[in-house]
């Protein structure tokens, strides 16, 4: 019993550390989710921009062919 009481402060410190780590991991998980959403949105935007650029190149080529 006495040895258990002597270990109590160490166990309490470990519990505090684990709770802080758990809080940190939850925050990181939330941040990761937000960054994933942002990345997906930017990838969609990039895809649209690439299609627009391809269409513009096609139009320029058509213009050159028709005027040449």
Protein backbone atom coordinates (compact mmCIF):
# COMPACT_ATOMS: atom_id res chain seq x y z
CA UNK A 1 0.00 0.00 0.00
CA UNK A 2 2.79 2.40 0.92
CA UNK A 3 4.63 1.72 -2.33
CA UNK A 4 1.44 2.47 -4.27
CA UNK A 5 1.12 5.80 -2.47
CA UNK A 6 4.73 6.63 -3.31
CA UNK A 7 4.05 5.96 -6.99
CA UNK A 8 0.94 8.16 -7.03
CA UNK A 9 2.70 11.46 -7.92
CA UNK A 10 4.49 9.77 -10.83
CA UNK A 11 1.23 8.26 -12.07
CA UNK A 12 -0.51 11.64 -11.80
CA UNK A 13 2.27 13.31 -13.83
CA UNK A 14 2.01 10.59 -16.46
CA UNK A 15 -1.77 11.01 -16.59
CA UNK A 16 -1.39 14.76 -17.08
CA UNK A 17 1.15 14.21 -19.86
CA UNK A 18 -1.09 11.69 -21.59
CA UNK A 19 -4.09 14.03 -21.41
CA UNK A 20 -2.04 16.85 -22.93
CA UNK A 21 -0.79 14.55 -25.66
CA UNK A 22 -4.33 13.40 -26.35
CA UNK A 23 -5.51 17.01 -26.67
CA UNK A 24 -2.64 17.76 -29.03
CA UNK A 25 -3.43 14.72 -31.18
CA UNK A 26 -7.10 15.71 -31.42
CA UNK A 27 -6.10 19.20 -32.56
CA UNK A 28 -3.73 17.72 -35.13
CA UNK A 29 -6.49 15.43 -36.41
CA UNK A 30 -8.83 18.40 -36.85
CA UNK A 31 -6.13 20.42 -38.60
CA UNK A 32 -5.35 17.48 -40.86
CA UNK A 33 -9.02 17.24 -41.85
CA UNK A 34 -9.16 20.93 -42.71
CA UNK A 35 -5.96 20.74 -44.74
CA UNK A 36 -7.25 17.69 -46.59
CA UNK A 37 -10.43 19.56 -47.55
CA UNK A 38 -8.40 22.55 -48.71
CA UNK A 39 -6.09 20.33 -50.76
CA UNK A 40 -9.03 18.63 -52.47
CA UNK A 41 -10.56 22.00 -53.32
CA UNK A 42 -7.29 23.28 -54.75
CA UNK A 43 -6.86 20.11 -56.80
CA UNK A 44 -10.34 20.58 -58.30
CA UNK A 45 -9.55 24.22 -59.04
CA UNK A 46 -6.28 23.23 -60.71
CA UNK A 47 -8.11 20.69 -62.85
CA UNK A 48 -10.57 23.35 -64.02
CA UNK A 49 -7.73 25.77 -64.78
CA UNK A 50 -5.88 23.12 -66.78
CA UNK A 51 -9.01 22.41 -68.86
CA UNK A 52 -9.48 26.13 -69.49
CA UNK A 53 -5.85 26.43 -70.58
CA UNK A 54 -6.23 23.49 -72.97
CA UNK A 55 -9.37 25.06 -74.44
CA UNK A 56 -7.55 28.36 -74.89
CA UNK A 57 -4.65 26.66 -76.67
CA UNK A 58 -7.13 24.86 -78.94
CA UNK A 59 -8.83 28.17 -79.79
CA UNK A 60 -5.49 29.81 -80.55
CA UNK A 61 -4.52 26.92 -82.82
CA UNK A 62 -7.86 27.13 -84.64
CA UNK A 63 -7.35 30.86 -85.10
CA UNK A 64 -3.87 30.32 -86.55
CA UNK A 65 -5.12 27.60 -88.90
CA UNK A 66 -8.08 29.67 -90.12
CA UNK A 67 -6.01 32.81 -90.64
CA UNK A 68 -3.04 31.05 -92.16
